[in-house]
């Protein structure tokens, strides 16, 4: 029996709620941590907007990807099917029929900043992922956000105050600028103990190996 204390990793998970690879990266990381008996983690989600100039009503996802990356409809569909399969392997449902638009996510990052202060950030983040990718809800719509806030046990009236103001705008902008300044231009970017970077939606075994090696450094 191993009675030695667990190594505790501090993980900043830089991501956007409209990023499917962020779901895959998070699920892979979760499974890797579950397999590492002597490692635990404190996870904080940090803001990154894939489309900071996105209009509130959003855009058709296929059209948006074609315009942004120059991909064909067939290429886009193939990528989305690959993502769906990866999600299924990790126990997450990407419903391609329902999440077919891309939206502005700045208000979600403001609420996630607040939820971190309240100790409910993880619950809200995962609820946002499911709301968008599984059910096709607009993550920028205030009514959707308030329903999710209520579902995870946060104060709905307080959340409405935040959404109706510019509260936490400065803090979120500052965090985004800090990560851009550090060279983070794609997500997910998983920063462990403020110095190790794991980039992208890596497979479980890659996360497991990386996290084990980082944890061993601290022993």
C-alpha atoms as a PDB file:
ATOM      1  CA  UNK A   1       0.000   0.000   0.000  1.00  0.00           C
ATOM      2  CA  UNK A   2       1.336   3.429  -0.957  1.00  0.00           C
ATOM      3  CA  UNK A   3       0.922   5.857   1.964  1.00  0.00           C
ATOM      4  CA  UNK A   4       2.978   8.665   0.443  1.00  0.00           C
ATOM      5  CA  UNK A   5       1.061  11.899  -0.178  1.00  0.00           C
ATOM      6  CA  UNK A   6      -0.212  12.621  -3.651  1.00  0.00           C
ATOM      7  CA  UNK A   7       1.623  15.080  -5.840  1.00  0.00           C
ATOM      8  CA  UNK A   8      -0.715  18.014  -6.433  1.00  0.00           C
ATOM      9  CA  UNK A   9      -0.435  19.666  -9.841  1.00  0.00           C
ATOM     10  CA  UNK A  10      -1.638  23.191 -10.512  1.00  0.00           C
ATOM     11  CA  UNK A  11      -3.260  23.195 -13.949  1.00  0.00           C
ATOM     12  CA  UNK A  12      -4.358  26.239 -15.907  1.00  0.00           C
ATOM     13  CA  UNK A  13      -6.581  24.965 -18.718  1.00  0.00           C
ATOM     14  CA  UNK A  14      -6.686  27.725 -21.329  1.00  0.00           C
ATOM     15  CA  UNK A  15      -9.735  27.166 -23.518  1.00  0.00           C
ATOM     16  CA  UNK A  16     -12.943  28.399 -25.109  1.00  0.00           C
ATOM     17  CA  UNK A  17     -16.389  26.885 -24.549  1.00  0.00           C
ATOM     18  CA  UNK A  18     -16.954  26.696 -28.320  1.00  0.00           C
ATOM     19  CA  UNK A  19     -13.772  24.659 -28.911  1.00  0.00           C
ATOM     20  CA  UNK A  20     -14.453  20.930 -29.444  1.00  0.00           C
ATOM     21  CA  UNK A  21     -10.786  20.026 -29.024  1.00  0.00           C
ATOM     22  CA  UNK A  22     -10.955  21.609 -25.575  1.00  0.00           C
ATOM     23  CA  UNK A  23     -13.638  19.098 -24.611  1.00  0.00           C
ATOM     24  CA  UNK A  24     -11.476  16.270 -25.922  1.00  0.00           C
ATOM     25  CA  UNK A  25      -8.411  17.600 -24.139  1.00  0.00           C
ATOM     26  CA  UNK A  26     -10.271  17.968 -20.854  1.00  0.00           C
ATOM     27  CA  UNK A  27     -11.813  14.500 -21.038  1.00  0.00           C
ATOM     28  CA  UNK A  28      -8.451  12.953 -21.923  1.00  0.00           C
ATOM     29  CA  UNK A  29      -6.745  14.781 -19.076  1.00  0.00           C
ATOM     30  CA  UNK A  30      -9.459  13.704 -16.627  1.00  0.00           C
ATOM     31  CA  UNK A  31      -9.011  10.059 -17.591  1.00  0.00           C
ATOM     32  CA  UNK A  32      -5.226  10.363 -17.310  1.00  0.00           C
ATOM     33  CA  UNK A  33      -5.501  11.832 -13.812  1.00  0.00           C
ATOM     34  CA  UNK A  34      -7.924   9.077 -12.793  1.00  0.00           C
ATOM     35  CA  UNK A  35      -5.304   6.514 -13.834  1.00  0.00           C
ATOM     36  CA  UNK A  36      -2.536   8.177 -11.805  1.00  0.00           C
ATOM     37  CA  UNK A  37      -3.075   7.052  -8.213  1.00  0.00           C
ATOM     38  CA  UNK A  38      -0.340   9.275  -6.793  1.00  0.00           C
ATOM     39  CA  UNK A  39      -1.284  12.465  -8.623  1.00  0.00           C
ATOM     40  CA  UNK A  40      -4.110  14.935  -8.114  1.00  0.00           C
ATOM     41  CA  UNK A  41      -4.751  18.321  -9.657  1.00  0.00           C
ATOM     42  CA  UNK A  42      -6.227  21.726  -9.003  1.00  0.00           C
ATOM     43  CA  UNK A  43      -7.730  22.830 -12.313  1.00  0.00           C
ATOM     44  CA  UNK A  44      -8.605  26.399 -13.207  1.00  0.00           C
ATOM     45  CA  UNK A  45     -10.092  27.339 -16.569  1.00  0.00           C
ATOM     46  CA  UNK A  46      -8.545  30.379 -18.205  1.00  0.00           C
ATOM     47  CA  UNK A  47     -10.150  32.462 -20.974  1.00  0.00           C
ATOM     48  CA  UNK A  48      -9.390  32.276 -24.656  1.00  0.00           C
ATOM     49  CA  UNK A  49     -11.779  33.513 -27.349  1.00  0.00           C
ATOM     50  CA  UNK A  50     -11.518  31.710 -30.660  1.00  0.00           C
ATOM     51  CA  UNK A  51     -13.622  34.422 -32.299  1.00  0.00           C
ATOM     52  CA  UNK A  52     -13.524  37.622 -30.250  1.00  0.00           C
ATOM     53  CA  UNK A  53     -15.145  39.649 -33.047  1.00  0.00           C
ATOM     54  CA  UNK A  54     -18.070  37.243 -33.477  1.00  0.00           C
ATOM     55  CA  UNK A  55     -21.480  38.907 -33.733  1.00  0.00           C
ATOM     56  CA  UNK A  56     -23.989  38.032 -30.976  1.00  0.00           C
ATOM     57  CA  UNK A  57     -26.274  36.053 -33.315  1.00  0.00           C
ATOM     58  CA  UNK A  58     -23.342  33.906 -34.421  1.00  0.00           C
ATOM     59  CA  UNK A  59     -22.571  32.355 -37.801  1.00  0.00           C
ATOM     60  CA  UNK A  60     -23.248  29.077 -39.529  1.00  0.00           C
ATOM     61  CA  UNK A  61     -20.456  26.766 -38.382  1.00  0.00           C
ATOM     62  CA  UNK A  62     -19.571  25.271 -41.767  1.00  0.00           C
ATOM     63  CA  UNK A  63     -19.537  28.684 -43.449  1.00  0.00           C
ATOM     64  CA  UNK A  64     -17.476  30.134 -40.635  1.00  0.00           C
ATOM     65  CA  UNK A  65     -14.849  27.387 -40.798  1.00  0.00           C
ATOM     66  CA  UNK A  66     -14.630  27.689 -44.583  1.00  0.00           C
ATOM     67  CA  UNK A  67     -14.098  31.441 -44.316  1.00  0.00           C
ATOM     68  CA  UNK A  68     -11.613  31.224 -41.437  1.00  0.00           C
ATOM     69  CA  UNK A  69      -9.524  28.223 -42.512  1.00  0.00           C
ATOM     70  CA  UNK A  70     -10.256  27.851 -46.229  1.00  0.00           C
ATOM     71  CA  UNK A  71     -11.591  24.322 -45.805  1.00  0.00           C
ATOM     72  CA  UNK A  72     -14.153  22.711 -48.058  1.00  0.00           C
ATOM     73  CA  UNK A  73     -17.501  21.475 -46.777  1.00  0.00           C
ATOM     74  CA  UNK A  74     -16.284  17.883 -47.171  1.00  0.00           C
ATOM     75  CA  UNK A  75     -13.136  18.586 -45.150  1.00  0.00           C
ATOM     76  CA  UNK A  76     -15.167  20.308 -42.449  1.00  0.00           C
ATOM     77  CA  UNK A  77     -17.605  17.405 -42.236  1.00  0.00           C
ATOM     78  CA  UNK A  78     -14.770  14.870 -42.033  1.00  0.00           C
ATOM     79  CA  UNK A  79     -13.152  16.801 -39.173  1.00  0.00           C
ATOM     80  CA  UNK A  80     -16.445  17.098 -37.303  1.00  0.00           C
ATOM     81  CA  UNK A  81     -17.042  13.365 -37.664  1.00  0.00           C
ATOM     82  CA  UNK A  82     -13.549  12.638 -36.330  1.00  0.00           C
ATOM     83  CA  UNK A  83     -14.261  14.913 -33.368  1.00  0.00           C
ATOM     84  CA  UNK A  84     -17.589  13.157 -32.765  1.00  0.00           C
ATOM     85  CA  UNK A  85     -15.850   9.791 -32.693  1.00  0.00           C
ATOM     86  CA  UNK A  86     -13.117  11.017 -30.351  1.00  0.00           C
ATOM     87  CA  UNK A  87     -15.789  12.397 -28.056  1.00  0.00           C
ATOM     88  CA  UNK A  88     -17.725   9.145 -28.101  1.00  0.00           C
ATOM     89  CA  UNK A  89     -14.572   7.248 -27.093  1.00  0.00           C
ATOM     90  CA  UNK A  90     -14.224   9.608 -24.132  1.00  0.00           C
ATOM     91  CA  UNK A  91     -17.872   9.442 -23.098  1.00  0.00           C
ATOM     92  CA  UNK A  92     -18.942  12.812 -24.508  1.00  0.00           C
ATOM     93  CA  UNK A  93     -21.685  13.353 -27.086  1.00  0.00           C
ATOM     94  CA  UNK A  94     -21.057  15.843 -29.882  1.00  0.00           C
ATOM     95  CA  UNK A  95     -24.405  16.210 -31.666  1.00  0.00           C
ATOM     96  CA  UNK A  96     -23.490  17.404 -35.147  1.00  0.00           C
ATOM     97  CA  UNK A  97     -27.108  18.185 -35.995  1.00  0.00           C
ATOM     98  CA  UNK A  98     -27.549  20.522 -33.041  1.00  0.00           C
ATOM     99  CA  UNK A  99     -24.286  22.442 -32.730  1.00  0.00           C
ATOM    100  CA  UNK A 100     -24.231  23.989 -36.170  1.00  0.00           C
ATOM    101  CA  UNK A 101     -23.549  27.626 -35.322  1.00  0.00           C
ATOM    102  CA  UNK A 102     -20.592  29.387 -33.703  1.00  0.00           C
ATOM    103  CA  UNK A 103     -21.232  32.169 -31.191  1.00  0.00           C
ATOM    104  CA  UNK A 104     -19.591  34.955 -29.218  1.00  0.00           C
ATOM    105  CA  UNK A 105     -18.381  33.586 -25.865  1.00  0.00           C
ATOM    106  CA  UNK A 106     -17.071  36.606 -23.966  1.00  0.00           C
ATOM    107  CA  UNK A 107     -19.884  36.645 -21.414  1.00  0.00           C
ATOM    108  CA  UNK A 108     -19.290  32.971 -20.652  1.00  0.00           C
ATOM    109  CA  UNK A 109     -15.702  33.802 -19.734  1.00  0.00           C
ATOM    110  CA  UNK A 110     -16.869  36.560 -17.402  1.00  0.00           C
ATOM    111  CA  UNK A 111     -19.186  34.131 -15.644  1.00  0.00           C
ATOM    112  CA  UNK A 112     -16.488  31.462 -15.488  1.00  0.00           C
ATOM    113  CA  UNK A 113     -14.136  33.975 -13.854  1.00  0.00           C
ATOM    114  CA  UNK A 114     -16.781  34.660 -11.223  1.00  0.00           C
ATOM    115  CA  UNK A 115     -17.608  30.951 -10.824  1.00  0.00           C
ATOM    116  CA  UNK A 116     -13.943  30.274 -10.022  1.00  0.00           C
ATOM    117  CA  UNK A 117     -14.160  32.732  -7.132  1.00  0.00           C
ATOM    118  CA  UNK A 118     -17.265  30.877  -5.946  1.00  0.00           C
ATOM    119  CA  UNK A 119     -15.704  27.417  -6.210  1.00  0.00           C
ATOM    120  CA  UNK A 120     -18.093  26.285  -8.951  1.00  0.00           C
ATOM    121  CA  UNK A 121     -16.035  26.897 -12.088  1.00  0.00           C
ATOM    122  CA  UNK A 122     -15.504  23.256 -13.018  1.00  0.00           C
ATOM    123  CA  UNK A 123     -19.223  22.504 -12.805  1.00  0.00           C
ATOM    124  CA  UNK A 124     -20.144  25.533 -14.908  1.00  0.00           C
ATOM    125  CA  UNK A 125     -17.486  24.854 -17.534  1.00  0.00           C
ATOM    126  CA  UNK A 126     -18.544  21.265 -18.090  1.00  0.00           C
ATOM    127  CA  UNK A 127     -22.208  22.302 -18.140  1.00  0.00           C
ATOM    128  CA  UNK A 128     -21.382  24.879 -20.821  1.00  0.00           C
ATOM    129  CA  UNK A 129     -19.623  22.271 -22.943  1.00  0.00           C
ATOM    130  CA  UNK A 130     -22.616  19.938 -22.794  1.00  0.00           C
ATOM    131  CA  UNK A 131     -25.109  22.740 -23.378  1.00  0.00           C
ATOM    132  CA  UNK A 132     -23.390  23.821 -26.576  1.00  0.00           C
ATOM    133  CA  UNK A 133     -21.992  20.652 -28.124  1.00  0.00           C
ATOM    134  CA  UNK A 134     -24.680  18.171 -27.063  1.00  0.00           C
ATOM    135  CA  UNK A 135     -27.786  20.363 -27.051  1.00  0.00           C
ATOM    136  CA  UNK A 136     -26.835  23.133 -29.487  1.00  0.00           C
ATOM    137  CA  UNK A 137     -27.591  26.046 -27.149  1.00  0.00           C
ATOM    138  CA  UNK A 138     -26.064  29.472 -27.690  1.00  0.00           C
ATOM    139  CA  UNK A 139     -23.383  29.874 -24.961  1.00  0.00           C
ATOM    140  CA  UNK A 140     -23.612  33.641 -25.305  1.00  0.00           C
ATOM    141  CA  UNK A 141     -27.365  33.844 -24.663  1.00  0.00           C
ATOM    142  CA  UNK A 142     -28.014  35.243 -21.203  1.00  0.00           C
ATOM    143  CA  UNK A 143     -31.069  33.054 -20.567  1.00  0.00           C
ATOM    144  CA  UNK A 144     -29.046  29.935 -21.378  1.00  0.00           C
ATOM    145  CA  UNK A 145     -26.271  31.097 -19.066  1.00  0.00           C
ATOM    146  CA  UNK A 146     -28.643  31.863 -16.197  1.00  0.00           C
ATOM    147  CA  UNK A 147     -30.255  28.429 -16.494  1.00  0.00           C
ATOM    148  CA  UNK A 148     -26.832  26.781 -16.310  1.00  0.00           C
ATOM    149  CA  UNK A 149     -25.823  28.964 -13.370  1.00  0.00           C
ATOM    150  CA  UNK A 150     -28.949  27.806 -11.543  1.00  0.00           C
ATOM    151  CA  UNK A 151     -28.317  24.165 -12.452  1.00  0.00           C
ATOM    152  CA  UNK A 152     -24.827  24.159 -10.909  1.00  0.00           C
ATOM    153  CA  UNK A 153     -25.927  25.908  -7.721  1.00  0.00           C
ATOM    154  CA  UNK A 154     -24.685  29.436  -8.302  1.00  0.00           C
ATOM    155  CA  UNK A 155     -26.625  32.598  -7.428  1.00  0.00           C
ATOM    156  CA  UNK A 156     -28.799  33.482 -10.438  1.00  0.00           C
ATOM    157  CA  UNK A 157     -29.459  37.053  -9.301  1.00  0.00           C
ATOM    158  CA  UNK A 158     -25.742  37.679  -8.876  1.00  0.00           C
ATOM    159  CA  UNK A 159     -25.046  36.187 -12.304  1.00  0.00           C
ATOM    160  CA  UNK A 160     -27.665  38.468 -13.845  1.00  0.00           C
ATOM    161  CA  UNK A 161     -25.987  41.470 -12.215  1.00  0.00           C
ATOM    162  CA  UNK A 162     -22.698  40.450 -13.798  1.00  0.00           C
ATOM    163  CA  UNK A 163     -24.200  39.872 -17.237  1.00  0.00           C
ATOM    164  CA  UNK A 164     -26.062  43.191 -17.157  1.00  0.00           C
ATOM    165  CA  UNK A 165     -22.844  45.059 -16.354  1.00  0.00           C
ATOM    166  CA  UNK A 166     -19.226  44.986 -17.499  1.00  0.00           C
ATOM    167  CA  UNK A 167     -18.085  43.302 -14.295  1.00  0.00           C
ATOM    168  CA  UNK A 168     -14.996  41.085 -14.683  1.00  0.00           C
ATOM    169  CA  UNK A 169     -14.420  42.409 -18.211  1.00  0.00           C
ATOM    170  CA  UNK A 170     -11.110  43.951 -17.232  1.00  0.00           C
ATOM    171  CA  UNK A 171      -9.930  40.791 -15.475  1.00  0.00           C
ATOM    172  CA  UNK A 172     -10.847  38.516 -18.375  1.00  0.00           C
ATOM    173  CA  UNK A 173      -9.210  40.832 -20.914  1.00  0.00           C
ATOM    174  CA  UNK A 174      -6.060  40.934 -18.786  1.00  0.00           C
ATOM    175  CA  UNK A 175      -5.873  37.138 -18.539  1.00  0.00           C
ATOM    176  CA  UNK A 176      -6.408  36.758 -22.271  1.00  0.00           C
ATOM    177  CA  UNK A 177      -3.656  39.287 -22.973  1.00  0.00           C
ATOM    178  CA  UNK A 178      -1.303  37.487 -20.596  1.00  0.00           C
ATOM    179  CA  UNK A 179      -1.711  34.156 -22.376  1.00  0.00           C
ATOM    180  CA  UNK A 180      -1.463  35.729 -25.830  1.00  0.00           C
ATOM    181  CA  UNK A 181       1.699  37.446 -24.648  1.00  0.00           C
ATOM    182  CA  UNK A 182       3.061  34.098 -23.490  1.00  0.00           C
ATOM    183  CA  UNK A 183       2.641  32.697 -27.001  1.00  0.00           C
ATOM    184  CA  UNK A 184      -0.678  30.864 -26.582  1.00  0.00           C
ATOM    185  CA  UNK A 185      -2.463  31.212 -29.912  1.00  0.00           C
ATOM    186  CA  UNK A 186      -4.390  27.925 -30.044  1.00  0.00           C
ATOM    187  CA  UNK A 187      -6.367  25.920 -27.519  1.00  0.00           C
ATOM    188  CA  UNK A 188      -6.550  23.857 -25.473  1.00  0.00           C
ATOM    189  CA  UNK A 189      -3.304  24.900 -23.858  1.00  0.00           C
ATOM    190  CA  UNK A 190      -2.699  23.056 -20.601  1.00  0.00           C
ATOM    191  CA  UNK A 191      -0.159  24.806 -18.394  1.00  0.00           C
ATOM    192  CA  UNK A 192       1.054  22.700 -15.483  1.00  0.00           C
ATOM    193  CA  UNK A 193       2.764  24.262 -12.454  1.00  0.00           C
ATOM    194  CA  UNK A 194       3.163  27.518 -14.388  1.00  0.00           C
ATOM    195  CA  UNK A 195       5.934  26.134 -16.602  1.00  0.00           C
ATOM    196  CA  UNK A 196       4.985  22.975 -18.509  1.00  0.00           C
ATOM    197  CA  UNK A 197       2.791  23.211 -21.624  1.00  0.00           C
ATOM    198  CA  UNK A 198       0.695  20.383 -23.058  1.00  0.00           C
ATOM    199  CA  UNK A 199      -0.846  21.625 -26.296  1.00  0.00           C
ATOM    200  CA  UNK A 200      -3.985  20.349 -28.002  1.00  0.00           C
ATOM    201  CA  UNK A 201      -6.531  17.587 -27.517  1.00  0.00           C
ATOM    202  CA  UNK A 202      -3.955  14.892 -26.851  1.00  0.00           C
ATOM    203  CA  UNK A 203      -4.791  11.206 -26.291  1.00  0.00           C
ATOM    204  CA  UNK A 204      -5.114   9.922 -22.731  1.00  0.00           C
ATOM    205  CA  UNK A 205      -1.724   8.173 -22.780  1.00  0.00           C
ATOM    206  CA  UNK A 206       0.088  11.371 -23.780  1.00  0.00           C
ATOM    207  CA  UNK A 207      -1.499  13.262 -20.905  1.00  0.00           C
ATOM    208  CA  UNK A 208      -0.791  10.388 -18.535  1.00  0.00           C
ATOM    209  CA  UNK A 209       2.895  10.253 -19.423  1.00  0.00           C
ATOM    210  CA  UNK A 210       3.354  14.025 -19.304  1.00  0.00           C
ATOM    211  CA  UNK A 211       1.531  14.498 -16.001  1.00  0.00           C
ATOM    212  CA  UNK A 212       3.387  11.594 -14.376  1.00  0.00           C
ATOM    213  CA  UNK A 213       6.745  13.030 -15.443  1.00  0.00           C
ATOM    214  CA  UNK A 214       5.857  16.496 -14.171  1.00  0.00           C
ATOM    215  CA  UNK A 215       4.634  15.090 -10.859  1.00  0.00           C
ATOM    216  CA  UNK A 216       7.862  13.089 -10.460  1.00  0.00           C
ATOM    217  CA  UNK A 217       9.907  16.277 -10.831  1.00  0.00           C
ATOM    218  CA  UNK A 218       8.449  17.564  -7.595  1.00  0.00           C
ATOM    219  CA  UNK A 219       9.468  14.497  -5.555  1.00  0.00           C
END
